[in-house]
Every structure is written in C-alpha cells, then in structure tokens.
Amino acid sequence: MHEVMFYYIMLEAGTEEVTAFFALHGACAVAERWLARQHGGVWRPPRLVATALTPAFVMGTGLWLFFAPVIRSELDKAIIAECEGMLAFLERVGRNLAAMAHLV
C-alpha cells in the first residue's frame, strides 16, 4: 500500500524499497519471537542493548529504505513547501480572527 501511495504522490514507479523496509521489519519481528520461543519464552536482549539497537535499527533502515525514494524524488522539498504554505494560511486566519475580535 505504501508503494501505491508513493506512486500517486511522486508519480514515479515504485522501487520496492518501501516494501523491503516493511518486509525486513516483519522478518525481524518473527525472528525475535522465534528466538524467544527457542529459549523458553523468556529470551530478551539486555535492556541497554535493546534500548540502543531498536531506534538505531529503525532509523538506519528508515533512512536506507523508506526515505531514500522521498529524498531522491525531492518530495521532501515539496512537503516542506506545503507545510510552509499551511503555516502561512493559519497565520493569516489567526491575524484576521484577532482583528475581528478587536472590532466587536
């Protein structure tokens, strides 16, 4: 589904990187569950190791597989421009509402 969304947003054929991102995370979740079952359901890495590895894994694979198509197509610049436009609109609305409040 993410590949389809990326296609409609970027109007470019998917590269399967986003699919690979989710497939890799799914495979790792299955492997973690399998390891736990092999060790009597109580296997867990040390908390400090898990705390460091989890965000590192998500950020690393996210930059490598999830955000690569976004950056390559310069969609990130379009998203920033859209956000700036929305903020400018909200600022105008706020100023107009403030001006109307002073008139009442």
PDB file of N, CA and C in Angstrom:
ATOM      1  N   MET A   1       0.819  -1.192   0.000  1.00  0.00           N
ATOM      2  CA  MET A   1       0.000   0.000   0.000  1.00  0.00           C
ATOM      3  C   MET A   1       0.869   1.264   0.000  1.00  0.00           C
ATOM      4  N   HIS A   2       1.982   1.227   0.735  1.00  0.00           N
ATOM      5  CA  HIS A   2       2.855   2.398   0.760  1.00  0.00           C
ATOM      6  C   HIS A   2       3.447   2.665  -0.615  1.00  0.00           C
ATOM      7  N   GLU A   3       3.780   1.605  -1.355  1.00  0.00           N
ATOM      8  CA  GLU A   3       4.310   1.794  -2.708  1.00  0.00           C
ATOM      9  C   GLU A   3       3.284   2.505  -3.582  1.00  0.00           C
ATOM     10  N   VAL A   4       2.010   2.140  -3.447  1.00  0.00           N
ATOM     11  CA  VAL A   4       0.948   2.778  -4.228  1.00  0.00           C
ATOM     12  C   VAL A   4       0.821   4.247  -3.830  1.00  0.00           C
ATOM     13  N   MET A   5       0.859   4.523  -2.539  1.00  0.00           N
ATOM     14  CA  MET A   5       0.780   5.919  -2.088  1.00  0.00           C
ATOM     15  C   MET A   5       1.962   6.722  -2.617  1.00  0.00           C
ATOM     16  N   PHE A   6       3.163   6.156  -2.554  1.00  0.00           N
ATOM     17  CA  PHE A   6       4.336   6.851  -3.076  1.00  0.00           C
ATOM     18  C   PHE A   6       4.179   7.110  -4.571  1.00  0.00           C
ATOM     19  N   TYR A   7       3.596   6.147  -5.300  1.00  0.00           N
ATOM     20  CA  TYR A   7       3.396   6.332  -6.736  1.00  0.00           C
ATOM     21  C   TYR A   7       2.464   7.511  -7.000  1.00  0.00           C
ATOM     22  N   TYR A   8       1.357   7.573  -6.285  1.00  0.00           N
ATOM     23  CA  TYR A   8       0.398   8.652  -6.522  1.00  0.00           C
ATOM     24  C   TYR A   8       0.920  10.011  -6.056  1.00  0.00           C
ATOM     25  N   ILE A   9       1.782  10.021  -5.066  1.00  0.00           N
ATOM     26  CA  ILE A   9       2.350  11.286  -4.596  1.00  0.00           C
ATOM     27  C   ILE A   9       3.467  11.755  -5.521  1.00  0.00           C
ATOM     28  N   MET A  10       4.368  10.836  -5.901  1.00  0.00           N
ATOM     29  CA  MET A  10       5.549  11.213  -6.677  1.00  0.00           C
ATOM     30  C   MET A  10       5.358  11.046  -8.182  1.00  0.00           C
ATOM     31  N   LEU A  11       4.310  10.291  -8.578  1.00  0.00           N
ATOM     32  CA  LEU A  11       4.069   9.985  -9.983  1.00  0.00           C
ATOM     33  C   LEU A  11       5.285   9.339 -10.641  1.00  0.00           C
ATOM     34  N   GLU A  12       5.914   8.446  -9.893  1.00  0.00           N
ATOM     35  CA  GLU A  12       7.038   7.656 -10.383  1.00  0.00           C
ATOM     36  C   GLU A  12       6.822   6.204  -9.972  1.00  0.00           C
ATOM     37  N   ALA A  13       7.313   5.307 -10.792  1.00  0.00           N
ATOM     38  CA  ALA A  13       7.182   3.883 -10.465  1.00  0.00           C
ATOM     39  C   ALA A  13       7.928   3.563  -9.178  1.00  0.00           C
ATOM     40  N   GLY A  14       7.366   2.675  -8.382  1.00  0.00           N
ATOM     41  CA  GLY A  14       7.988   2.290  -7.119  1.00  0.00           C
ATOM     42  C   GLY A  14       9.279   1.520  -7.323  1.00  0.00           C
ATOM     43  N   THR A  15      10.145   1.595  -6.350  1.00  0.00           N
ATOM     44  CA  THR A  15      11.430   0.896  -6.415  1.00  0.00           C
ATOM     45  C   THR A  15      11.463  -0.298  -5.474  1.00  0.00           C
ATOM     46  N   GLU A  16      10.350  -0.576  -4.812  1.00  0.00           N
ATOM     47  CA  GLU A  16      10.217  -1.680  -3.859  1.00  0.00           C
ATOM     48  C   GLU A  16      11.026  -1.478  -2.582  1.00  0.00           C
ATOM     49  N   GLU A  17      11.642  -0.332  -2.414  1.00  0.00           N
ATOM     50  CA  GLU A  17      12.413  -0.082  -1.192  1.00  0.00           C
ATOM     51  C   GLU A  17      11.499   0.005   0.032  1.00  0.00           C
ATOM     52  N   VAL A  18      10.346   0.626  -0.147  1.00  0.00           N
ATOM     53  CA  VAL A  18       9.411   0.755   0.977  1.00  0.00           C
ATOM     54  C   VAL A  18       8.872  -0.619   1.360  1.00  0.00           C
ATOM     55  N   THR A  19       8.576  -1.435   0.380  1.00  0.00           N
ATOM     56  CA  THR A  19       8.131  -2.800   0.654  1.00  0.00           C
ATOM     57  C   THR A  19       9.224  -3.581   1.377  1.00  0.00           C
ATOM     58  N   ALA A  20      10.472  -3.403   0.934  1.00  0.00           N
ATOM     59  CA  ALA A  20      11.596  -4.080   1.589  1.00  0.00           C
ATOM     60  C   ALA A  20      11.736  -3.628   3.042  1.00  0.00           C
ATOM     61  N   PHE A  21      11.480  -2.337   3.310  1.00  0.00           N
ATOM     62  CA  PHE A  21      11.534  -1.818   4.678  1.00  0.00           C
ATOM     63  C   PHE A  21      10.568  -2.588   5.579  1.00  0.00           C
ATOM     64  N   PHE A  22       9.313  -2.697   5.150  1.00  0.00           N
ATOM     65  CA  PHE A  22       8.316  -3.376   5.977  1.00  0.00           C
ATOM     66  C   PHE A  22       8.558  -4.887   6.033  1.00  0.00           C
ATOM     67  N   ALA A  23       9.006  -5.485   4.942  1.00  0.00           N
ATOM     68  CA  ALA A  23       9.307  -6.916   4.945  1.00  0.00           C
ATOM     69  C   ALA A  23      10.460  -7.220   5.904  1.00  0.00           C
ATOM     70  N   LEU A  24      11.484  -6.382   5.908  1.00  0.00           N
ATOM     71  CA  LEU A  24      12.620  -6.570   6.810  1.00  0.00           C
ATOM     72  C   LEU A  24      12.189  -6.447   8.268  1.00  0.00           C
ATOM     73  N   HIS A  25      11.368  -5.453   8.567  1.00  0.00           N
ATOM     74  CA  HIS A  25      10.901  -5.277   9.950  1.00  0.00           C
ATOM     75  C   HIS A  25      10.007  -6.436  10.373  1.00  0.00           C
ATOM     76  N   GLY A  26       9.177  -6.917   9.457  1.00  0.00           N
ATOM     77  CA  GLY A  26       8.340  -8.079   9.762  1.00  0.00           C
ATOM     78  C   GLY A  26       9.176  -9.321  10.009  1.00  0.00           C
ATOM     79  N   ALA A  27      10.180  -9.532   9.167  1.00  0.00           N
ATOM     80  CA  ALA A  27      11.063 -10.699   9.334  1.00  0.00           C
ATOM     81  C   ALA A  27      11.814 -10.623  10.662  1.00  0.00           C
ATOM     82  N   CYS A  28      12.247  -9.435  11.040  1.00  0.00           N
ATOM     83  CA  CYS A  28      12.959  -9.276  12.318  1.00  0.00           C
ATOM     84  C   CYS A  28      12.030  -9.519  13.508  1.00  0.00           C
ATOM     85  N   ALA A  29      10.771  -9.089  13.395  1.00  0.00           N
ATOM     86  CA  ALA A  29       9.814  -9.350  14.471  1.00  0.00           C
ATOM     87  C   ALA A  29       9.560 -10.853  14.612  1.00  0.00           C
ATOM     88  N   VAL A  30       9.439 -11.549  13.488  1.00  0.00           N
ATOM     89  CA  VAL A  30       9.250 -13.002  13.521  1.00  0.00           C
ATOM     90  C   VAL A  30      10.478 -13.678  14.121  1.00  0.00           C
ATOM     91  N   ALA A  31      11.661 -13.251  13.707  1.00  0.00           N
ATOM     92  CA  ALA A  31      12.906 -13.839  14.234  1.00  0.00           C
ATOM     93  C   ALA A  31      13.026 -13.599  15.739  1.00  0.00           C
ATOM     94  N   GLU A  32      12.644 -12.427  16.194  1.00  0.00           N
ATOM     95  CA  GLU A  32      12.707 -12.139  17.629  1.00  0.00           C
ATOM     96  C   GLU A  32      11.765 -13.048  18.408  1.00  0.00           C
ATOM     97  N   ARG A  33      10.569 -13.247  17.886  1.00  0.00           N
ATOM     98  CA  ARG A  33       9.590 -14.127  18.534  1.00  0.00           C
ATOM     99  C   ARG A  33      10.093 -15.571  18.531  1.00  0.00           C
ATOM    100  N   TRP A  34      10.684 -15.996  17.414  1.00  0.00           N
ATOM    101  CA  TRP A  34      11.215 -17.346  17.304  1.00  0.00           C
ATOM    102  C   TRP A  34      12.334 -17.566  18.320  1.00  0.00           C
ATOM    103  N   LEU A  35      13.230 -16.597  18.440  1.00  0.00           N
ATOM    104  CA  LEU A  35      14.310 -16.708  19.428  1.00  0.00           C
ATOM    105  C   LEU A  35      13.758 -16.812  20.847  1.00  0.00           C
ATOM    106  N   ALA A  36      12.728 -16.040  21.137  1.00  0.00           N
ATOM    107  CA  ALA A  36      12.126 -16.097  22.465  1.00  0.00           C
ATOM    108  C   ALA A  36      11.555 -17.487  22.743  1.00  0.00           C
ATOM    109  N   ARG A  37      10.902 -18.067  21.758  1.00  0.00           N
ATOM    110  CA  ARG A  37      10.321 -19.399  21.947  1.00  0.00           C
ATOM    111  C   ARG A  37      11.397 -20.467  22.088  1.00  0.00           C
ATOM    112  N   GLN A  38      12.517 -20.299  21.395  1.00  0.00           N
ATOM    113  CA  GLN A  38      13.612 -21.266  21.487  1.00  0.00           C
ATOM    114  C   GLN A  38      14.232 -21.269  22.880  1.00  0.00           C
ATOM    115  N   HIS A  39      14.116 -20.154  23.566  1.00  0.00           N
ATOM    116  CA  HIS A  39      14.706 -20.026  24.900  1.00  0.00           C
ATOM    117  C   HIS A  39      13.635 -20.028  25.990  1.00  0.00           C
ATOM    118  N   GLY A  40      12.584 -20.773  25.766  1.00  0.00           N
ATOM    119  CA  GLY A  40      11.542 -20.924  26.776  1.00  0.00           C
ATOM    120  C   GLY A  40      10.649 -19.706  26.946  1.00  0.00           C
ATOM    121  N   GLY A  41      10.601 -18.850  25.967  1.00  0.00           N
ATOM    122  CA  GLY A  41       9.724 -17.687  26.025  1.00  0.00           C
ATOM    123  C   GLY A  41      10.226 -16.559  26.895  1.00  0.00           C
ATOM    124  N   VAL A  42      11.438 -16.677  27.387  1.00  0.00           N
ATOM    125  CA  VAL A  42      11.945 -15.637  28.284  1.00  0.00           C
ATOM    126  C   VAL A  42      13.180 -14.916  27.724  1.00  0.00           C
ATOM    127  N   TRP A  43      13.567 -15.250  26.504  1.00  0.00           N
ATOM    128  CA  TRP A  43      14.770 -14.611  25.960  1.00  0.00           C
ATOM    129  C   TRP A  43      14.501 -13.166  25.602  1.00  0.00           C
ATOM    130  N   ARG A  44      15.353 -12.328  26.078  1.00  0.00           N
ATOM    131  CA  ARG A  44      15.334 -10.912  25.709  1.00  0.00           C
ATOM    132  C   ARG A  44      16.764 -10.412  25.757  1.00  0.00           C
ATOM    133  N   PRO A  45      17.113  -9.522  24.860  1.00  0.00           N
ATOM    134  CA  PRO A  45      18.453  -8.937  24.965  1.00  0.00           C
ATOM    135  C   PRO A  45      18.500  -8.036  26.195  1.00  0.00           C
ATOM    136  N   PRO A  46      19.671  -7.751  26.701  1.00  0.00           N
ATOM    137  CA  PRO A  46      19.757  -6.823  27.836  1.00  0.00           C
ATOM    138  C   PRO A  46      19.081  -5.499  27.488  1.00  0.00           C
ATOM    139  N   ARG A  47      18.429  -4.901  28.476  1.00  0.00           N
ATOM    140  CA  ARG A  47      17.649  -3.679  28.250  1.00  0.00           C
ATOM    141  C   ARG A  47      18.480  -2.577  27.602  1.00  0.00           C
ATOM    142  N   LEU A  48      19.705  -2.376  28.048  1.00  0.00           N
ATOM    143  CA  LEU A  48      20.551  -1.331  27.498  1.00  0.00           C
ATOM    144  C   LEU A  48      20.842  -1.586  26.022  1.00  0.00           C
ATOM    145  N   VAL A  49      21.094  -2.832  25.681  1.00  0.00           N
ATOM    146  CA  VAL A  49      21.357  -3.192  24.286  1.00  0.00           C
ATOM    147  C   VAL A  49      20.103  -2.980  23.438  1.00  0.00           C
ATOM    148  N   ALA A  50      18.965  -3.464  23.922  1.00  0.00           N
ATOM    149  CA  ALA A  50      17.713  -3.318  23.178  1.00  0.00           C
ATOM    150  C   ALA A  50      17.339  -1.847  23.010  1.00  0.00           C
ATOM    151  N   THR A  51      17.541  -1.058  24.056  1.00  0.00           N
ATOM    152  CA  THR A  51      17.221   0.373  24.005  1.00  0.00           C
ATOM    153  C   THR A  51      18.071   1.087  22.976  1.00  0.00           C
ATOM    154  N   ALA A  52      19.312   0.702  22.827  1.00  0.00           N
ATOM    155  CA  ALA A  52      20.189   1.334  21.842  1.00  0.00           C
ATOM    156  C   ALA A  52      19.933   0.796  20.432  1.00  0.00           C
ATOM    157  N   LEU A  53      19.724  -0.500  20.299  1.00  0.00           N
ATOM    158  CA  LEU A  53      19.590  -1.105  18.977  1.00  0.00           C
ATOM    159  C   LEU A  53      18.262  -0.823  18.291  1.00  0.00           C
ATOM    160  N   THR A  54      17.185  -0.726  19.056  1.00  0.00           N
ATOM    161  CA  THR A  54      15.875  -0.540  18.431  1.00  0.00           C
ATOM    162  C   THR A  54      15.792   0.759  17.640  1.00  0.00           C
ATOM    163  N   PRO A  55      16.061   1.931  18.238  1.00  0.00           N
ATOM    164  CA  PRO A  55      15.994   3.156  17.427  1.00  0.00           C
ATOM    165  C   PRO A  55      17.061   3.195  16.339  1.00  0.00           C
ATOM    166  N   ALA A  56      18.228   2.623  16.609  1.00  0.00           N
ATOM    167  CA  ALA A  56      19.279   2.603  15.585  1.00  0.00           C
ATOM    168  C   ALA A  56      18.829   1.776  14.378  1.00  0.00           C
ATOM    169  N   PHE A  57      18.204   0.638  14.633  1.00  0.00           N
ATOM    170  CA  PHE A  57      17.715  -0.214  13.551  1.00  0.00           C
ATOM    171  C   PHE A  57      16.604   0.475  12.760  1.00  0.00           C
ATOM    172  N   VAL A  58      15.644   1.061  13.463  1.00  0.00           N
ATOM    173  CA  VAL A  58      14.519   1.718  12.786  1.00  0.00           C
ATOM    174  C   VAL A  58      15.008   2.922  11.980  1.00  0.00           C
ATOM    175  N   MET A  59      15.867   3.751  12.587  1.00  0.00           N
ATOM    176  CA  MET A  59      16.362   4.931  11.864  1.00  0.00           C
ATOM    177  C   MET A  59      17.270   4.537  10.700  1.00  0.00           C
ATOM    178  N   GLY A  60      18.124   3.566  10.920  1.00  0.00           N
ATOM    179  CA  GLY A  60      19.032   3.138   9.857  1.00  0.00           C
ATOM    180  C   GLY A  60      18.296   2.570   8.663  1.00  0.00           C
ATOM    181  N   THR A  61      17.380   1.648   8.914  1.00  0.00           N
ATOM    182  CA  THR A  61      16.626   1.066   7.806  1.00  0.00           C
ATOM    183  C   THR A  61      15.647   2.074   7.210  1.00  0.00           C
ATOM    184  N   GLY A  62      15.141   2.980   8.037  1.00  0.00           N
ATOM    185  CA  GLY A  62      14.247   4.017   7.518  1.00  0.00           C
ATOM    186  C   GLY A  62      14.956   4.946   6.544  1.00  0.00           C
ATOM    187  N   LEU A  63      16.147   5.389   6.917  1.00  0.00           N
ATOM    188  CA  LEU A  63      16.916   6.247   6.007  1.00  0.00           C
ATOM    189  C   LEU A  63      17.334   5.481   4.758  1.00  0.00           C
ATOM    190  N   TRP A  64      17.704   4.232   4.920  1.00  0.00           N
ATOM    191  CA  TRP A  64      18.200   3.414   3.818  1.00  0.00           C
ATOM    192  C   TRP A  64      17.082   3.024   2.855  1.00  0.00           C
ATOM    193  N   LEU A  65      15.929   2.592   3.382  1.00  0.00           N
ATOM    194  CA  LEU A  65      14.886   2.028   2.536  1.00  0.00           C
ATOM    195  C   LEU A  65      13.625   2.870   2.418  1.00  0.00           C
ATOM    196  N   PHE A  66      13.214   3.548   3.481  1.00  0.00           N
ATOM    197  CA  PHE A  66      11.928   4.243   3.465  1.00  0.00           C
ATOM    198  C   PHE A  66      12.046   5.658   2.899  1.00  0.00           C
ATOM    199  N   PHE A  67      13.036   6.415   3.362  1.00  0.00           N
ATOM    200  CA  PHE A  67      13.143   7.809   2.946  1.00  0.00           C
ATOM    201  C   PHE A  67      13.984   8.017   1.694  1.00  0.00           C
ATOM    202  N   ALA A  68      14.694   6.987   1.250  1.00  0.00           N
ATOM    203  CA  ALA A  68      15.523   7.124   0.048  1.00  0.00           C
ATOM    204  C   ALA A  68      14.703   7.547  -1.171  1.00  0.00           C
ATOM    205  N   PRO A  69      13.547   6.922  -1.461  1.00  0.00           N
ATOM    206  CA  PRO A  69      12.770   7.374  -2.616  1.00  0.00           C
ATOM    207  C   PRO A  69      12.236   8.797  -2.448  1.00  0.00           C
ATOM    208  N   VAL A  70      11.908   9.163  -1.222  1.00  0.00           N
ATOM    209  CA  VAL A  70      11.400  10.513  -0.959  1.00  0.00           C
ATOM    210  C   VAL A  70      12.471  11.548  -1.258  1.00  0.00           C
ATOM    211  N   ILE A  71      13.670  11.305  -0.785  1.00  0.00           N
ATOM    212  CA  ILE A  71      14.770  12.252  -0.975  1.00  0.00           C
ATOM    213  C   ILE A  71      15.206  12.274  -2.439  1.00  0.00           C
ATOM    214  N   ARG A  72      15.274  11.101  -3.072  1.00  0.00           N
ATOM    215  CA  ARG A  72      15.690  11.024  -4.468  1.00  0.00           C
ATOM    216  C   ARG A  72      14.754  11.797  -5.390  1.00  0.00           C
ATOM    217  N   SER A  73      13.460  11.767  -5.103  1.00  0.00           N
ATOM    218  CA  SER A  73      12.483  12.459  -5.950  1.00  0.00           C
ATOM    219  C   SER A  73      12.264  13.905  -5.511  1.00  0.00           C
ATOM    220  N   GLU A  74      12.977  14.338  -4.477  1.00  0.00           N
ATOM    221  CA  GLU A  74      12.864  15.693  -3.911  1.00  0.00           C
ATOM    222  C   GLU A  74      11.463  15.971  -3.371  1.00  0.00           C
ATOM    223  N   LEU A  75      10.767  14.913  -2.991  1.00  0.00           N
ATOM    224  CA  LEU A  75       9.449  15.067  -2.382  1.00  0.00           C
ATOM    225  C   LEU A  75       9.563  15.772  -1.037  1.00  0.00           C
ATOM    226  N   ASP A  76      10.697  15.595  -0.354  1.00  0.00           N
ATOM    227  CA  ASP A  76      10.883  16.255   0.932  1.00  0.00           C
ATOM    228  C   ASP A  76      10.788  17.772   0.795  1.00  0.00           C
ATOM    229  N   LYS A  77      11.302  18.317  -0.302  1.00  0.00           N
ATOM    230  CA  LYS A  77      11.217  19.768  -0.530  1.00  0.00           C
ATOM    231  C   LYS A  77       9.778  20.199  -0.773  1.00  0.00           C
ATOM    232  N   ALA A  78       9.022  19.383  -1.504  1.00  0.00           N
ATOM    233  CA  ALA A  78       7.617  19.686  -1.750  1.00  0.00           C
ATOM    234  C   ALA A  78       6.813  19.633  -0.451  1.00  0.00           C
ATOM    235  N   ILE A  79       7.138  18.673   0.416  1.00  0.00           N
ATOM    236  CA  ILE A  79       6.436  18.562   1.702  1.00  0.00           C
ATOM    237  C   ILE A  79       6.712  19.787   2.560  1.00  0.00           C
ATOM    238  N   ILE A  80       7.959  20.239   2.587  1.00  0.00           N
ATOM    239  CA  ILE A  80       8.310  21.425   3.360  1.00  0.00           C
ATOM    240  C   ILE A  80       7.584  22.645   2.808  1.00  0.00           C
ATOM    241  N   ALA A  81       7.524  22.780   1.483  1.00  0.00           N
ATOM    242  CA  ALA A  81       6.809  23.907   0.874  1.00  0.00           C
ATOM    243  C   ALA A  81       5.325  23.870   1.233  1.00  0.00           C
ATOM    244  N   GLU A  82       4.726  22.680   1.215  1.00  0.00           N
ATOM    245  CA  GLU A  82       3.312  22.546   1.600  1.00  0.00           C
ATOM    246  C   GLU A  82       3.094  22.955   3.052  1.00  0.00           C
ATOM    247  N   CYS A  83       4.000  22.532   3.932  1.00  0.00           N
ATOM    248  CA  CYS A  83       3.885  22.884   5.353  1.00  0.00           C
ATOM    249  C   CYS A  83       4.031  24.389   5.550  1.00  0.00           C
ATOM    250  N   GLU A  84       4.976  25.003   4.832  1.00  0.00           N
ATOM    251  CA  GLU A  84       5.143  26.455   4.928  1.00  0.00           C
ATOM    252  C   GLU A  84       3.892  27.180   4.453  1.00  0.00           C
ATOM    253  N   GLY A  85       3.283  26.686   3.369  1.00  0.00           N
ATOM    254  CA  GLY A  85       2.043  27.283   2.870  1.00  0.00           C
ATOM    255  C   GLY A  85       0.915  27.164   3.875  1.00  0.00           C
ATOM    256  N   MET A  86       0.809  26.009   4.521  1.00  0.00           N
ATOM    257  CA  MET A  86      -0.235  25.809   5.529  1.00  0.00           C
ATOM    258  C   MET A  86      -0.019  26.724   6.725  1.00  0.00           C
ATOM    259  N   LEU A  87       1.229  26.864   7.177  1.00  0.00           N
ATOM    260  CA  LEU A  87       1.518  27.760   8.297  1.00  0.00           C
ATOM    261  C   LEU A  87       1.207  29.207   7.951  1.00  0.00           C
ATOM    262  N   ALA A  88       1.511  29.630   6.726  1.00  0.00           N
ATOM    263  CA  ALA A  88       1.200  30.995   6.296  1.00  0.00           C
ATOM    264  C   ALA A  88      -0.319  31.208   6.290  1.00  0.00           C
ATOM    265  N   PHE A  89      -1.054  30.209   5.818  1.00  0.00           N
ATOM    266  CA  PHE A  89      -2.511  30.292   5.823  1.00  0.00           C
ATOM    267  C   PHE A  89      -3.049  30.415   7.244  1.00  0.00           C
ATOM    268  N   LEU A  90      -2.558  29.565   8.153  1.00  0.00           N
ATOM    269  CA  LEU A  90      -3.016  29.620   9.546  1.00  0.00           C
ATOM    270  C   LEU A  90      -2.661  30.938  10.206  1.00  0.00           C
ATOM    271  N   GLU A  91      -1.522  31.492   9.854  1.00  0.00           N
ATOM    272  CA  GLU A  91      -1.135  32.791  10.401  1.00  0.00           C
ATOM    273  C   GLU A  91      -2.111  33.877   9.933  1.00  0.00           C
ATOM    274  N   ARG A  92      -2.464  33.849   8.637  1.00  0.00           N
ATOM    275  CA  ARG A  92      -3.428  34.842   8.115  1.00  0.00           C
ATOM    276  C   ARG A  92      -4.781  34.692   8.794  1.00  0.00           C
ATOM    277  N   VAL A  93      -5.220  33.458   8.972  1.00  0.00           N
ATOM    278  CA  VAL A  93      -6.508  33.214   9.643  1.00  0.00           C
ATOM    279  C   VAL A  93      -6.455  33.753  11.072  1.00  0.00           C
ATOM    280  N   GLY A  94      -5.365  33.465  11.770  1.00  0.00           N
ATOM    281  CA  GLY A  94      -5.226  33.946  13.141  1.00  0.00           C
ATOM    282  C   GLY A  94      -5.231  35.463  13.230  1.00  0.00           C
ATOM    283  N   ARG A  95      -4.521  36.105  12.318  1.00  0.00           N
ATOM    284  CA  ARG A  95      -4.500  37.586  12.313  1.00  0.00           C
ATOM    285  C   ARG A  95      -5.876  38.150  12.003  1.00  0.00           C
ATOM    286  N   ASN A  96      -6.592  37.538  11.056  1.00  0.00           N
ATOM    287  CA  ASN A  96      -7.946  38.004  10.729  1.00  0.00           C
ATOM    288  C   ASN A  96      -8.889  37.816  11.904  1.00  0.00           C
ATOM    289  N   LEU A  97      -8.802  36.689  12.583  1.00  0.00           N
ATOM    290  CA  LEU A  97      -9.658  36.459  13.757  1.00  0.00           C
ATOM    291  C   LEU A  97      -9.322  37.436  14.882  1.00  0.00           C
ATOM    292  N   ALA A  98      -8.037  37.719  15.075  1.00  0.00           N
ATOM    293  CA  ALA A  98      -7.629  38.679  16.098  1.00  0.00           C
ATOM    294  C   ALA A  98      -8.153  40.075  15.751  1.00  0.00           C
ATOM    295  N   ALA A  99      -8.087  40.434  14.476  1.00  0.00           N
ATOM    296  CA  ALA A  99      -8.583  41.753  14.056  1.00  0.00           C
ATOM    297  C   ALA A  99     -10.084  41.834  14.243  1.00  0.00           C
ATOM    298  N   MET A 100     -10.808  40.760  13.922  1.00  0.00           N
ATOM    299  CA  MET A 100     -12.264  40.763  14.102  1.00  0.00           C
ATOM    300  C   MET A 100     -12.621  40.820  15.584  1.00  0.00           C
ATOM    301  N   ALA A 101     -11.845  40.226  16.449  1.00  0.00           N
ATOM    302  CA  ALA A 101     -12.135  40.246  17.881  1.00  0.00           C
ATOM    303  C   ALA A 101     -12.004  41.641  18.438  1.00  0.00           C
ATOM    304  N   HIS A 102     -11.090  42.433  17.890  1.00  0.00           N
ATOM    305  CA  HIS A 102     -10.910  43.799  18.374  1.00  0.00           C
ATOM    306  C   HIS A 102     -12.026  44.723  17.886  1.00  0.00           C
ATOM    307  N   LEU A 103     -12.700  44.354  16.784  1.00  0.00           N
ATOM    308  CA  LEU A 103     -13.772  45.174  16.250  1.00  0.00           C
ATOM    309  C   LEU A 103     -15.071  45.003  17.031  1.00  0.00           C
ATOM    310  N   VAL A 104     -15.240  43.877  17.658  1.00  0.00           N
ATOM    311  CA  VAL A 104     -16.509  43.590  18.346  1.00  0.00           C
ATOM    312  C   VAL A 104     -16.611  44.341  19.627  1.00  0.00           C
TER     313      VAL A 104
END
